[in-house]
N, C-alpha and C. Protein backbone atom coordinates (compact mmCIF):
# COMPACT_ATOMS: atom_id res chain seq x y z
N MET A 1 -42.07 -26.60 -159.60
CA MET A 1 -41.65 -26.03 -160.87
C MET A 1 -40.30 -25.33 -160.78
N GLY A 2 -39.89 -24.97 -159.57
CA GLY A 2 -38.58 -24.38 -159.40
C GLY A 2 -38.46 -22.94 -159.83
N VAL A 3 -39.59 -22.21 -159.94
CA VAL A 3 -39.51 -20.81 -160.38
C VAL A 3 -40.06 -19.83 -159.35
N PHE A 4 -40.53 -20.33 -158.21
CA PHE A 4 -41.16 -19.46 -157.22
C PHE A 4 -40.28 -19.22 -155.99
N ASP A 5 -39.06 -19.71 -155.98
CA ASP A 5 -38.24 -19.68 -154.77
C ASP A 5 -37.59 -18.33 -154.49
N ILE A 6 -37.20 -17.59 -155.52
CA ILE A 6 -36.47 -16.35 -155.28
C ILE A 6 -37.28 -15.33 -154.48
N PRO A 7 -38.55 -15.06 -154.84
CA PRO A 7 -39.33 -14.13 -154.02
C PRO A 7 -39.47 -14.60 -152.58
N LEU A 8 -39.52 -15.91 -152.37
CA LEU A 8 -39.66 -16.45 -151.02
C LEU A 8 -38.41 -16.20 -150.19
N VAL A 9 -37.25 -16.58 -150.73
CA VAL A 9 -36.02 -16.51 -149.92
C VAL A 9 -35.53 -15.08 -149.74
N ARG A 10 -35.89 -14.18 -150.65
CA ARG A 10 -35.47 -12.79 -150.51
C ARG A 10 -36.04 -12.14 -149.26
N SER A 11 -37.12 -12.69 -148.72
CA SER A 11 -37.78 -12.09 -147.56
C SER A 11 -37.24 -12.61 -146.23
N ILE A 12 -36.30 -13.55 -146.27
CA ILE A 12 -35.81 -14.17 -145.03
C ILE A 12 -34.50 -13.51 -144.60
N PRO A 13 -34.45 -12.87 -143.44
CA PRO A 13 -33.23 -12.20 -142.98
C PRO A 13 -32.08 -13.19 -142.77
N ASN A 14 -30.87 -12.73 -143.10
CA ASN A 14 -29.63 -13.46 -142.84
C ASN A 14 -29.42 -14.69 -143.71
N LEU A 15 -30.38 -15.04 -144.54
CA LEU A 15 -30.22 -16.19 -145.43
C LEU A 15 -29.50 -15.77 -146.70
N VAL A 16 -28.42 -16.45 -147.03
CA VAL A 16 -27.69 -16.19 -148.26
C VAL A 16 -28.20 -17.15 -149.33
N CYS A 17 -28.62 -16.61 -150.46
CA CYS A 17 -29.05 -17.44 -151.59
C CYS A 17 -28.15 -17.15 -152.78
N LEU A 18 -27.49 -18.19 -153.27
CA LEU A 18 -26.54 -18.06 -154.37
C LEU A 18 -27.05 -18.80 -155.60
N THR A 19 -26.67 -18.30 -156.78
CA THR A 19 -27.16 -18.87 -158.03
C THR A 19 -25.98 -19.17 -158.96
N PRO A 20 -25.50 -20.39 -158.97
CA PRO A 20 -24.36 -20.74 -159.83
C PRO A 20 -24.76 -20.82 -161.30
N THR A 21 -23.78 -20.58 -162.16
CA THR A 21 -24.01 -20.64 -163.59
C THR A 21 -23.64 -22.00 -164.18
N CYS A 22 -22.90 -22.81 -163.42
CA CYS A 22 -22.40 -24.07 -163.94
C CYS A 22 -22.04 -24.99 -162.77
N LYS A 23 -21.67 -26.23 -163.08
CA LYS A 23 -21.40 -27.18 -162.01
C LYS A 23 -20.17 -26.80 -161.19
N GLU A 24 -19.14 -26.22 -161.85
CA GLU A 24 -17.94 -25.84 -161.12
C GLU A 24 -18.25 -24.73 -160.11
N GLU A 25 -19.07 -23.78 -160.53
CA GLU A 25 -19.44 -22.70 -159.61
C GLU A 25 -20.35 -23.23 -158.51
N TYR A 26 -21.21 -24.17 -158.85
CA TYR A 26 -22.07 -24.79 -157.84
C TYR A 26 -21.24 -25.47 -156.75
N LEU A 27 -20.26 -26.26 -157.15
CA LEU A 27 -19.43 -26.96 -156.17
C LEU A 27 -18.58 -25.99 -155.35
N SER A 28 -18.13 -24.91 -155.99
CA SER A 28 -17.36 -23.91 -155.28
C SER A 28 -18.22 -23.20 -154.24
N MET A 29 -19.46 -22.88 -154.59
CA MET A 29 -20.38 -22.26 -153.65
C MET A 29 -20.71 -23.21 -152.50
N LEU A 30 -20.88 -24.47 -152.84
CA LEU A 30 -21.17 -25.47 -151.81
C LEU A 30 -20.02 -25.57 -150.81
N ASP A 31 -18.80 -25.57 -151.32
CA ASP A 31 -17.62 -25.61 -150.44
C ASP A 31 -17.57 -24.39 -149.53
N TRP A 32 -17.81 -23.21 -150.11
CA TRP A 32 -17.82 -21.99 -149.29
C TRP A 32 -18.94 -22.03 -148.25
N GLY A 33 -20.12 -22.49 -148.65
CA GLY A 33 -21.24 -22.54 -147.73
C GLY A 33 -20.98 -23.45 -146.53
N LEU A 34 -20.25 -24.53 -146.76
CA LEU A 34 -19.93 -25.46 -145.67
C LEU A 34 -18.82 -24.92 -144.77
N ARG A 35 -17.91 -24.13 -145.34
CA ARG A 35 -16.79 -23.61 -144.56
C ARG A 35 -17.18 -22.42 -143.67
N GLN A 36 -18.05 -21.56 -144.18
CA GLN A 36 -18.42 -20.37 -143.41
C GLN A 36 -19.45 -20.75 -142.34
N THR A 37 -19.53 -19.94 -141.31
CA THR A 37 -20.42 -20.25 -140.18
C THR A 37 -21.34 -19.08 -139.81
N SER A 38 -21.39 -18.06 -140.66
CA SER A 38 -22.14 -16.85 -140.32
C SER A 38 -23.58 -16.86 -140.82
N HIS A 39 -23.86 -17.64 -141.86
CA HIS A 39 -25.17 -17.57 -142.50
C HIS A 39 -25.66 -18.96 -142.89
N PRO A 40 -26.98 -19.18 -142.83
CA PRO A 40 -27.53 -20.33 -143.56
C PRO A 40 -27.43 -20.01 -145.05
N VAL A 41 -27.10 -21.01 -145.85
CA VAL A 41 -26.85 -20.79 -147.27
C VAL A 41 -27.76 -21.69 -148.10
N MET A 42 -28.41 -21.09 -149.08
CA MET A 42 -29.20 -21.82 -150.06
C MET A 42 -28.55 -21.64 -151.42
N ILE A 43 -28.40 -22.73 -152.16
CA ILE A 43 -27.79 -22.67 -153.49
C ILE A 43 -28.78 -23.24 -154.49
N ARG A 44 -29.09 -22.47 -155.51
CA ARG A 44 -29.99 -22.94 -156.56
C ARG A 44 -29.20 -23.85 -157.50
N VAL A 45 -29.69 -25.04 -157.73
CA VAL A 45 -29.02 -25.97 -158.64
C VAL A 45 -29.16 -25.43 -160.05
N PRO A 46 -28.04 -25.32 -160.80
CA PRO A 46 -28.09 -24.66 -162.11
C PRO A 46 -28.87 -25.39 -163.18
N GLY A 47 -29.10 -26.69 -163.03
CA GLY A 47 -29.86 -27.42 -164.04
C GLY A 47 -29.06 -27.63 -165.31
N ILE A 48 -29.75 -27.75 -166.43
CA ILE A 48 -29.09 -28.00 -167.70
C ILE A 48 -28.37 -26.74 -168.16
N THR A 49 -27.08 -26.86 -168.39
CA THR A 49 -26.29 -25.72 -168.84
C THR A 49 -25.09 -26.21 -169.62
N THR A 50 -24.61 -25.39 -170.53
CA THR A 50 -23.43 -25.75 -171.31
C THR A 50 -22.20 -24.99 -170.84
N THR A 51 -22.37 -24.13 -169.84
CA THR A 51 -21.27 -23.33 -169.34
C THR A 51 -20.38 -24.15 -168.42
N THR A 52 -19.07 -24.05 -168.62
CA THR A 52 -18.11 -24.66 -167.71
C THR A 52 -17.02 -23.63 -167.41
N ARG A 53 -16.42 -23.74 -166.23
CA ARG A 53 -15.40 -22.79 -165.83
C ARG A 53 -14.29 -23.49 -165.07
N ARG A 54 -13.12 -22.91 -165.09
CA ARG A 54 -12.01 -23.45 -164.33
C ARG A 54 -12.21 -23.10 -162.86
N ALA A 55 -12.26 -24.12 -162.01
CA ALA A 55 -12.59 -23.92 -160.61
C ALA A 55 -11.63 -22.98 -159.90
N GLU A 56 -10.35 -23.01 -160.28
CA GLU A 56 -9.36 -22.17 -159.58
C GLU A 56 -9.53 -20.69 -159.89
N LEU A 57 -10.31 -20.36 -160.92
CA LEU A 57 -10.53 -18.96 -161.27
C LEU A 57 -11.79 -18.38 -160.63
N LEU A 58 -12.54 -19.20 -159.92
CA LEU A 58 -13.77 -18.73 -159.32
C LEU A 58 -13.47 -17.90 -158.08
N PRO A 59 -14.16 -16.77 -157.92
CA PRO A 59 -13.89 -15.90 -156.77
C PRO A 59 -14.60 -16.38 -155.51
N GLU A 60 -14.25 -15.78 -154.37
CA GLU A 60 -14.96 -16.05 -153.13
C GLU A 60 -16.35 -15.42 -153.20
N TYR A 61 -17.22 -15.83 -152.30
CA TYR A 61 -18.61 -15.41 -152.40
C TYR A 61 -19.04 -14.42 -151.32
N GLY A 62 -18.14 -14.09 -150.40
CA GLY A 62 -18.49 -13.06 -149.42
C GLY A 62 -19.27 -13.61 -148.25
N PRO A 63 -19.97 -12.78 -147.47
CA PRO A 63 -20.13 -11.36 -147.71
C PRO A 63 -18.84 -10.58 -147.47
N PRO A 64 -18.73 -9.34 -147.99
CA PRO A 64 -19.80 -8.55 -148.62
C PRO A 64 -20.21 -9.09 -149.99
N VAL A 65 -21.40 -8.68 -150.42
CA VAL A 65 -21.94 -9.13 -151.70
C VAL A 65 -21.12 -8.53 -152.83
N ARG A 66 -20.67 -9.38 -153.74
CA ARG A 66 -19.93 -8.92 -154.90
C ARG A 66 -20.41 -9.65 -156.14
N TYR A 67 -20.94 -8.89 -157.10
CA TYR A 67 -21.26 -9.47 -158.39
C TYR A 67 -19.96 -9.69 -159.17
N GLU A 68 -19.99 -10.60 -160.11
CA GLU A 68 -18.82 -10.89 -160.93
C GLU A 68 -19.01 -10.32 -162.33
N VAL A 69 -18.06 -9.52 -162.78
CA VAL A 69 -18.13 -8.93 -164.12
C VAL A 69 -17.43 -9.87 -165.09
N ALA A 70 -18.20 -10.40 -166.03
CA ALA A 70 -17.62 -11.29 -167.06
C ALA A 70 -17.00 -10.49 -168.19
N ALA A 71 -17.59 -9.31 -168.49
CA ALA A 71 -17.07 -8.45 -169.56
C ALA A 71 -17.58 -7.03 -169.35
N TRP A 72 -16.67 -6.07 -169.43
CA TRP A 72 -17.06 -4.67 -169.32
C TRP A 72 -17.40 -4.11 -170.68
N GLY A 73 -18.42 -3.29 -170.72
CA GLY A 73 -18.79 -2.59 -171.94
C GLY A 73 -19.42 -1.27 -171.57
N ASN A 74 -20.35 -0.80 -172.38
CA ASN A 74 -21.06 0.44 -172.08
C ASN A 74 -22.45 0.40 -172.70
N ARG A 75 -23.23 1.38 -172.36
CA ARG A 75 -24.60 1.57 -172.84
C ARG A 75 -25.58 0.55 -172.28
N VAL A 76 -25.25 -0.74 -172.38
CA VAL A 76 -26.16 -1.80 -171.91
C VAL A 76 -25.43 -2.69 -170.91
N ALA A 77 -26.06 -2.95 -169.77
CA ALA A 77 -25.53 -3.90 -168.79
C ALA A 77 -26.52 -5.05 -168.65
N ILE A 78 -26.03 -6.26 -168.81
CA ILE A 78 -26.86 -7.46 -168.72
C ILE A 78 -26.50 -8.20 -167.44
N LEU A 79 -27.45 -8.31 -166.53
CA LEU A 79 -27.28 -9.08 -165.31
C LEU A 79 -28.01 -10.40 -165.49
N ALA A 80 -27.25 -11.45 -165.75
CA ALA A 80 -27.83 -12.74 -166.13
C ALA A 80 -27.62 -13.74 -165.00
N LEU A 81 -28.71 -14.16 -164.41
CA LEU A 81 -28.68 -14.95 -163.19
C LEU A 81 -28.65 -16.45 -163.47
N GLY A 82 -27.77 -17.16 -162.77
CA GLY A 82 -27.77 -18.61 -162.80
C GLY A 82 -27.66 -19.20 -164.19
N ARG A 83 -28.55 -20.13 -164.50
CA ARG A 83 -28.46 -20.81 -165.79
C ARG A 83 -28.82 -19.90 -166.96
N PHE A 84 -29.35 -18.70 -166.67
CA PHE A 84 -29.61 -17.74 -167.74
C PHE A 84 -28.38 -16.92 -168.10
N PHE A 85 -27.25 -17.23 -167.47
CA PHE A 85 -26.01 -16.54 -167.84
C PHE A 85 -25.67 -16.81 -169.31
N THR A 86 -25.90 -18.04 -169.75
CA THR A 86 -25.66 -18.38 -171.15
C THR A 86 -26.54 -17.54 -172.06
N ARG A 87 -27.80 -17.33 -171.68
CA ARG A 87 -28.70 -16.48 -172.47
C ARG A 87 -28.18 -15.04 -172.49
N GLY A 88 -27.65 -14.59 -171.38
CA GLY A 88 -27.07 -13.25 -171.33
C GLY A 88 -25.90 -13.10 -172.28
N LEU A 89 -25.07 -14.13 -172.35
CA LEU A 89 -23.93 -14.12 -173.28
C LEU A 89 -24.41 -14.07 -174.72
N GLN A 90 -25.48 -14.81 -175.02
CA GLN A 90 -26.03 -14.81 -176.37
C GLN A 90 -26.59 -13.44 -176.75
N VAL A 91 -27.24 -12.79 -175.80
CA VAL A 91 -27.78 -11.45 -176.06
C VAL A 91 -26.64 -10.46 -176.26
N LYS A 92 -25.61 -10.58 -175.46
CA LYS A 92 -24.43 -9.71 -175.62
C LYS A 92 -23.85 -9.85 -177.02
N GLU A 93 -23.69 -11.08 -177.48
CA GLU A 93 -23.13 -11.31 -178.81
C GLU A 93 -24.05 -10.77 -179.90
N ALA A 94 -25.36 -10.93 -179.71
CA ALA A 94 -26.31 -10.43 -180.70
C ALA A 94 -26.26 -8.91 -180.80
N LEU A 95 -26.16 -8.24 -179.67
CA LEU A 95 -26.08 -6.78 -179.68
C LEU A 95 -24.85 -6.29 -180.43
N GLU A 96 -23.74 -7.00 -180.24
CA GLU A 96 -22.52 -6.60 -180.93
C GLU A 96 -22.62 -6.86 -182.42
N ASN A 97 -23.19 -8.00 -182.78
CA ASN A 97 -23.30 -8.36 -184.20
C ASN A 97 -24.29 -7.47 -184.95
N ILE A 98 -25.39 -7.12 -184.29
CA ILE A 98 -26.45 -6.37 -184.96
C ILE A 98 -26.19 -4.87 -184.96
N ALA A 99 -25.75 -4.34 -183.81
CA ALA A 99 -25.66 -2.88 -183.67
C ALA A 99 -24.29 -2.39 -183.23
N GLY A 100 -23.32 -3.28 -183.10
CA GLY A 100 -21.99 -2.86 -182.69
C GLY A 100 -21.90 -2.44 -181.23
N ILE A 101 -22.85 -2.84 -180.42
CA ILE A 101 -22.86 -2.47 -179.00
C ILE A 101 -22.11 -3.52 -178.19
N ARG A 102 -21.12 -3.10 -177.45
CA ARG A 102 -20.40 -4.00 -176.56
C ARG A 102 -20.99 -3.86 -175.15
N ALA A 103 -21.86 -4.76 -174.82
CA ALA A 103 -22.58 -4.68 -173.55
C ALA A 103 -21.72 -5.22 -172.41
N THR A 104 -21.99 -4.73 -171.22
CA THR A 104 -21.41 -5.30 -170.00
C THR A 104 -22.20 -6.55 -169.64
N LEU A 105 -21.50 -7.61 -169.26
CA LEU A 105 -22.15 -8.86 -168.85
C LEU A 105 -21.74 -9.18 -167.43
N ILE A 106 -22.73 -9.38 -166.57
CA ILE A 106 -22.48 -9.59 -165.14
C ILE A 106 -23.15 -10.88 -164.67
N ASN A 107 -22.42 -11.63 -163.88
CA ASN A 107 -22.94 -12.80 -163.18
C ASN A 107 -23.22 -12.37 -161.74
N PRO A 108 -24.48 -12.11 -161.39
CA PRO A 108 -24.78 -11.56 -160.05
C PRO A 108 -24.44 -12.51 -158.89
N ARG A 109 -24.65 -13.80 -159.09
CA ARG A 109 -24.35 -14.83 -158.08
C ARG A 109 -25.27 -14.79 -156.87
N TRP A 110 -25.62 -13.60 -156.37
CA TRP A 110 -26.48 -13.45 -155.20
C TRP A 110 -27.89 -13.06 -155.63
N VAL A 111 -28.91 -13.60 -154.96
CA VAL A 111 -30.27 -13.07 -155.11
C VAL A 111 -30.83 -12.57 -153.79
N SER A 112 -30.20 -12.93 -152.69
CA SER A 112 -30.70 -12.52 -151.37
C SER A 112 -30.29 -11.09 -151.02
N ASP A 113 -29.25 -10.57 -151.64
CA ASP A 113 -28.78 -9.22 -151.38
C ASP A 113 -28.22 -8.63 -152.67
N MET A 114 -28.02 -7.31 -152.68
CA MET A 114 -27.52 -6.63 -153.87
C MET A 114 -26.11 -6.10 -153.66
N ASP A 115 -25.36 -6.07 -154.74
CA ASP A 115 -24.06 -5.41 -154.77
C ASP A 115 -24.32 -3.96 -155.18
N THR A 116 -24.62 -3.12 -154.21
CA THR A 116 -25.00 -1.74 -154.51
C THR A 116 -23.84 -0.94 -155.11
N ASP A 117 -22.61 -1.26 -154.73
CA ASP A 117 -21.46 -0.57 -155.32
C ASP A 117 -21.40 -0.83 -156.83
N MET A 118 -21.63 -2.08 -157.22
CA MET A 118 -21.61 -2.43 -158.64
C MET A 118 -22.76 -1.75 -159.37
N LEU A 119 -23.94 -1.73 -158.77
CA LEU A 119 -25.09 -1.10 -159.42
C LEU A 119 -24.88 0.40 -159.58
N LYS A 120 -24.20 1.03 -158.64
CA LYS A 120 -23.88 2.45 -158.76
C LYS A 120 -22.87 2.67 -159.89
N THR A 121 -21.89 1.78 -160.00
CA THR A 121 -20.91 1.88 -161.08
C THR A 121 -21.57 1.75 -162.45
N ILE A 122 -22.47 0.79 -162.56
CA ILE A 122 -23.21 0.60 -163.81
C ILE A 122 -23.97 1.87 -164.19
N LYS A 123 -24.55 2.51 -163.20
CA LYS A 123 -25.38 3.69 -163.43
C LYS A 123 -24.63 4.80 -164.15
N SER A 124 -23.33 4.91 -163.91
CA SER A 124 -22.56 6.02 -164.47
C SER A 124 -22.13 5.81 -165.92
N HIS A 125 -22.27 4.58 -166.43
CA HIS A 125 -21.76 4.30 -167.78
C HIS A 125 -22.77 3.61 -168.69
N HIS A 126 -24.00 3.43 -168.23
CA HIS A 126 -24.97 2.66 -169.01
C HIS A 126 -26.32 3.36 -169.05
N GLN A 127 -27.04 3.13 -170.13
CA GLN A 127 -28.38 3.68 -170.31
C GLN A 127 -29.47 2.66 -170.01
N VAL A 128 -29.17 1.39 -170.26
CA VAL A 128 -30.16 0.32 -170.09
C VAL A 128 -29.55 -0.82 -169.27
N VAL A 129 -30.30 -1.28 -168.30
CA VAL A 129 -29.91 -2.45 -167.51
C VAL A 129 -30.93 -3.55 -167.77
N VAL A 130 -30.44 -4.73 -168.10
CA VAL A 130 -31.29 -5.88 -168.41
C VAL A 130 -31.06 -6.96 -167.35
N THR A 131 -32.14 -7.48 -166.79
CA THR A 131 -32.02 -8.60 -165.86
C THR A 131 -32.67 -9.84 -166.45
N LEU A 132 -31.99 -10.96 -166.33
CA LEU A 132 -32.49 -12.25 -166.81
C LEU A 132 -32.50 -13.22 -165.64
N GLU A 133 -33.63 -13.86 -165.38
CA GLU A 133 -33.70 -14.80 -164.27
C GLU A 133 -34.62 -15.97 -164.62
N ASP A 134 -34.26 -17.15 -164.14
CA ASP A 134 -35.08 -18.34 -164.36
C ASP A 134 -36.02 -18.52 -163.17
N GLY A 135 -36.90 -17.54 -163.03
CA GLY A 135 -37.88 -17.53 -161.96
C GLY A 135 -38.95 -16.50 -162.27
N VAL A 136 -39.96 -16.42 -161.41
CA VAL A 136 -41.04 -15.46 -161.64
C VAL A 136 -40.54 -14.04 -161.43
N LEU A 137 -41.10 -13.12 -162.21
CA LEU A 137 -40.71 -11.72 -162.11
C LEU A 137 -41.25 -11.07 -160.84
N ASP A 138 -42.46 -11.43 -160.43
CA ASP A 138 -43.08 -10.81 -159.26
C ASP A 138 -42.27 -11.11 -158.01
N GLY A 139 -41.65 -10.08 -157.43
CA GLY A 139 -40.86 -10.25 -156.23
C GLY A 139 -39.48 -10.84 -156.47
N GLY A 140 -39.07 -10.93 -157.73
CA GLY A 140 -37.81 -11.59 -158.06
C GLY A 140 -36.60 -10.67 -158.07
N PHE A 141 -35.53 -11.18 -158.63
CA PHE A 141 -34.25 -10.47 -158.68
C PHE A 141 -34.36 -9.18 -159.48
N GLY A 142 -34.98 -9.25 -160.65
CA GLY A 142 -35.10 -8.08 -161.50
C GLY A 142 -35.88 -6.95 -160.85
N GLU A 143 -36.93 -7.31 -160.14
CA GLU A 143 -37.73 -6.30 -159.44
C GLU A 143 -36.89 -5.58 -158.39
N GLN A 144 -36.00 -6.32 -157.75
CA GLN A 144 -35.10 -5.76 -156.75
C GLN A 144 -34.15 -4.74 -157.41
N VAL A 145 -33.61 -5.09 -158.55
CA VAL A 145 -32.71 -4.19 -159.27
C VAL A 145 -33.46 -2.96 -159.76
N ALA A 146 -34.64 -3.15 -160.31
CA ALA A 146 -35.45 -2.03 -160.78
C ALA A 146 -35.77 -1.08 -159.64
N GLY A 147 -36.05 -1.62 -158.47
CA GLY A 147 -36.33 -0.79 -157.30
C GLY A 147 -35.13 0.03 -156.89
N PHE A 148 -33.93 -0.52 -157.06
CA PHE A 148 -32.72 0.21 -156.70
C PHE A 148 -32.56 1.45 -157.57
N TYR A 149 -32.81 1.32 -158.88
CA TYR A 149 -32.62 2.44 -159.79
C TYR A 149 -33.77 3.45 -159.71
N GLY A 150 -34.95 2.99 -159.31
CA GLY A 150 -36.06 3.88 -159.03
C GLY A 150 -36.29 4.96 -160.06
N ALA A 151 -36.23 6.22 -159.61
CA ALA A 151 -36.55 7.36 -160.47
C ALA A 151 -35.34 7.88 -161.25
N SER A 152 -34.25 7.13 -161.27
CA SER A 152 -33.07 7.57 -162.03
C SER A 152 -33.34 7.46 -163.52
N GLY A 153 -32.39 7.91 -164.32
CA GLY A 153 -32.57 7.88 -165.77
C GLY A 153 -32.29 6.54 -166.40
N ILE A 154 -31.90 5.55 -165.61
CA ILE A 154 -31.61 4.22 -166.12
C ILE A 154 -32.91 3.51 -166.49
N LYS A 155 -32.95 2.94 -167.69
CA LYS A 155 -34.08 2.09 -168.07
C LYS A 155 -33.75 0.66 -167.66
N VAL A 156 -34.68 -0.01 -167.00
CA VAL A 156 -34.48 -1.38 -166.55
C VAL A 156 -35.48 -2.29 -167.24
N LEU A 157 -34.97 -3.31 -167.92
CA LEU A 157 -35.80 -4.31 -168.59
C LEU A 157 -35.65 -5.63 -167.84
N ASN A 158 -36.75 -6.14 -167.31
CA ASN A 158 -36.74 -7.38 -166.54
C ASN A 158 -37.31 -8.53 -167.35
N TYR A 159 -36.60 -9.66 -167.35
CA TYR A 159 -37.05 -10.84 -168.08
C TYR A 159 -37.06 -12.06 -167.15
N GLY A 160 -38.18 -12.74 -167.16
CA GLY A 160 -38.35 -13.94 -166.36
C GLY A 160 -39.72 -14.53 -166.65
N ALA A 161 -40.20 -15.35 -165.74
CA ALA A 161 -41.47 -16.04 -165.95
C ALA A 161 -42.64 -15.27 -165.36
N ARG A 162 -43.80 -15.52 -165.91
CA ARG A 162 -45.03 -15.00 -165.32
C ARG A 162 -45.36 -15.81 -164.07
N LYS A 163 -46.16 -15.21 -163.20
CA LYS A 163 -46.61 -15.92 -162.01
C LYS A 163 -47.81 -16.78 -162.38
N GLU A 164 -47.52 -18.00 -162.84
CA GLU A 164 -48.58 -18.90 -163.29
C GLU A 164 -48.08 -20.34 -163.21
N PHE A 165 -49.01 -21.26 -163.14
CA PHE A 165 -48.67 -22.68 -163.21
C PHE A 165 -48.78 -23.13 -164.66
N VAL A 166 -47.78 -23.88 -165.12
CA VAL A 166 -47.82 -24.44 -166.46
C VAL A 166 -47.57 -25.94 -166.36
N ASP A 167 -48.13 -26.69 -167.29
CA ASP A 167 -47.99 -28.14 -167.25
C ASP A 167 -47.76 -28.66 -168.66
N LEU A 168 -46.68 -29.38 -168.82
CA LEU A 168 -46.36 -30.02 -170.09
C LEU A 168 -46.28 -29.02 -171.24
N VAL A 169 -45.65 -27.89 -170.96
CA VAL A 169 -45.43 -26.88 -172.00
C VAL A 169 -43.96 -26.87 -172.35
N ALA A 170 -43.64 -26.94 -173.62
CA ALA A 170 -42.24 -26.95 -174.05
C ALA A 170 -41.53 -25.68 -173.62
N VAL A 171 -40.27 -25.82 -173.21
CA VAL A 171 -39.50 -24.68 -172.75
C VAL A 171 -39.43 -23.60 -173.82
N GLU A 172 -39.26 -24.00 -175.08
CA GLU A 172 -39.17 -23.03 -176.16
C GLU A 172 -40.46 -22.22 -176.28
N THR A 173 -41.60 -22.86 -176.03
CA THR A 173 -42.88 -22.16 -176.06
C THR A 173 -42.97 -21.13 -174.95
N LEU A 174 -42.48 -21.51 -173.77
CA LEU A 174 -42.49 -20.58 -172.64
C LEU A 174 -41.54 -19.42 -172.88
N TYR A 175 -40.39 -19.69 -173.45
CA TYR A 175 -39.45 -18.61 -173.76
C TYR A 175 -40.10 -17.58 -174.68
N ASP A 176 -40.82 -18.06 -175.68
CA ASP A 176 -41.48 -17.15 -176.61
C ASP A 176 -42.61 -16.40 -175.91
N ARG A 177 -43.35 -17.08 -175.06
CA ARG A 177 -44.46 -16.45 -174.34
C ARG A 177 -43.97 -15.36 -173.40
N TYR A 178 -42.83 -15.59 -172.76
CA TYR A 178 -42.30 -14.65 -171.78
C TYR A 178 -41.31 -13.64 -172.38
N ARG A 179 -41.16 -13.63 -173.70
CA ARG A 179 -40.20 -12.76 -174.39
C ARG A 179 -38.78 -13.02 -173.90
N LEU A 180 -38.44 -14.27 -173.84
CA LEU A 180 -37.11 -14.68 -173.36
C LEU A 180 -36.22 -15.22 -174.47
N THR A 181 -36.63 -15.10 -175.70
CA THR A 181 -35.75 -15.52 -176.79
C THR A 181 -34.69 -14.43 -177.00
N VAL A 182 -33.56 -14.83 -177.54
CA VAL A 182 -32.49 -13.87 -177.79
C VAL A 182 -32.97 -12.75 -178.71
N GLU A 183 -33.72 -13.10 -179.73
CA GLU A 183 -34.21 -12.11 -180.69
C GLU A 183 -35.14 -11.10 -180.03
N GLN A 184 -36.05 -11.58 -179.18
CA GLN A 184 -36.99 -10.69 -178.51
C GLN A 184 -36.29 -9.74 -177.55
N ILE A 185 -35.37 -10.29 -176.76
CA ILE A 185 -34.65 -9.46 -175.80
C ILE A 185 -33.81 -8.41 -176.51
N THR A 186 -33.10 -8.84 -177.54
CA THR A 186 -32.26 -7.91 -178.30
C THR A 186 -33.10 -6.80 -178.91
N SER A 187 -34.24 -7.14 -179.49
CA SER A 187 -35.13 -6.15 -180.09
C SER A 187 -35.61 -5.15 -179.06
N ASP A 188 -35.97 -5.62 -177.87
CA ASP A 188 -36.44 -4.73 -176.81
C ASP A 188 -35.33 -3.76 -176.38
N ILE A 189 -34.11 -4.25 -176.30
CA ILE A 189 -32.99 -3.39 -175.89
C ILE A 189 -32.75 -2.30 -176.92
N LEU A 190 -32.76 -2.67 -178.19
CA LEU A 190 -32.55 -1.68 -179.24
C LEU A 190 -33.66 -0.64 -179.25
N ASP A 191 -34.88 -1.08 -179.00
CA ASP A 191 -36.00 -0.14 -178.91
C ASP A 191 -35.81 0.81 -177.73
N ALA A 192 -35.35 0.27 -176.59
CA ALA A 192 -35.13 1.11 -175.41
C ALA A 192 -34.05 2.15 -175.64
N LEU A 193 -33.07 1.79 -176.45
CA LEU A 193 -31.99 2.72 -176.78
C LEU A 193 -32.35 3.67 -177.91
N GLN A 194 -33.48 3.38 -178.58
CA GLN A 194 -33.95 4.19 -179.71
C GLN A 194 -32.86 4.30 -180.79
N ILE A 195 -32.32 3.14 -181.16
CA ILE A 195 -31.27 3.13 -182.18
C ILE A 195 -31.64 2.17 -183.30
N LYS A 196 -32.89 2.15 -183.69
CA LYS A 196 -33.32 1.27 -184.75
C LYS A 196 -32.54 1.49 -186.04
N GLU A 197 -32.14 2.72 -186.26
CA GLU A 197 -31.43 3.01 -187.51
C GLU A 197 -30.05 2.37 -187.58
N GLU A 198 -29.53 1.91 -186.44
CA GLU A 198 -28.22 1.29 -186.44
C GLU A 198 -28.25 -0.19 -186.76
N ARG A 199 -29.43 -0.76 -186.81
CA ARG A 199 -29.52 -2.20 -187.06
C ARG A 199 -29.05 -2.52 -188.46
N LYS A 200 -28.35 -3.63 -188.58
CA LYS A 200 -27.81 -4.05 -189.86
C LYS A 200 -28.78 -5.00 -190.55
């Protein structure tokens, strides 16, 4: 099913796991993985996506671990992993259209390790952190981020799949079941910010 791999690989020392958002980023990661000699590298195939990027603008992949900031904002930070980067962009646009919130949008790229410097920076300017991943929540990327913030005042909303087997279920049905639609995610963020009165 392709949704149970992140919790598995996160437990393996020295293994780098990267999550491209598009084919150009996938090929760039593949090139880096073949050139470097320090780590075994796993790259998640992005699957169906409409995102494309100019290859010459893609950054190096490290280590050290560095998340990529697609857009800086405040109040809300969206960490959208792999093929869910497009969903993150849609949520960002919805927040701006509905409540005038300019959210930060981040392409984490890594799931095997965290960019703790970036997470600390987010902490100083945001109230809510949202993680989006195309994998199970149990033991996944979002759980890792939530663990980092721990008892701080940051609210962390994790979105991904339940730990279950599904067969012949439409993707749209699963998105609704897992609260992964743009409308559901946006509504949850506004509730977390307690700014219902700002909705248009």
